[in-house]
C-alpha cells in the first residue's frame, strides 16, 4: 500500500516534522518522500501552514480621541517643555531624519546594484512537479540566492542542505539552511564550479547538516545548471 493513500498520512507527516516518528516507521516515511511525490508535497504544505504568520485579526486601532483623553486625565500638559527648549530637539530630529533618508537611499542603491548582478542558473523542483525554487548566481560566482515561491521552513529537528553535484562527481555541500529562501556565500574552493553540466540539489538532514559529508535524507529539490 502506498503511503500517499494511507488514511493517517497527515498524522504521520506531523510526527515526522516533530521528530517523534522513529524506527522502521520513519525509514518507511523517508522512503516514501523519495518515491511518492504526493507525500513530499504534503510535508511541504504542512511546513508552510505551520510557519508563524502575522494576522490582521490581532491588530487594534485606538480611537482618535484616546490620546487627548489620556493627556487630560493624566494632566500631561504640565510636563510639556517650553517652546524654546523644543527648538534644539526639532533641529536634531531634522538632522537625524535627513541622515536616515540619505542612508536609506544609499542602501536601496546598493541593493539594486547587487540584485542586477544575480543571474538565474537553475530551476529546482520536486521530481514530477513544477519548479518552485530559482537559483541565481552573482557575477563573481561567490553568492548564490535561492528564491522560493514561498518560504519552505525546516522542522525543529531538521535542516536543509544545499549540494553541488559536478558532472560525474560526488555531491559537495554548499550550505546548511533553516529555510529554503536565502542568500548564501559559496565556499571559496567551489567558486567557479557552478557551471552547465552540474546540478544543484537540496536534501533534508539532521539539525546542523549531514553527519557523513554526503546526503543522508531525502532529496526534495533538484535541478540542472544551465
Foldseek 3Di string as FASTA:
>chain_A
DQLLPDPCLVVLLVCVLQVNQDDPSNVSLLVSCQVPVSSVVSNQVVQQVPDDDDDPVPDDDDDPCVVVVVCVVVVVVVVDDDPVVCVVVVVVVVVVVVVVVVVVVVVVVVVVVFVVQWAWFKFKAFVPDDGFWTWTAGNQQFKIFIAGPDKRFGGPFKWKWKWKAAQVHATATQDIHRIRGGMGTGPPVCRPRLAFRIKMWIFIDTPPDHPPRHHDTHTGMMTTTD
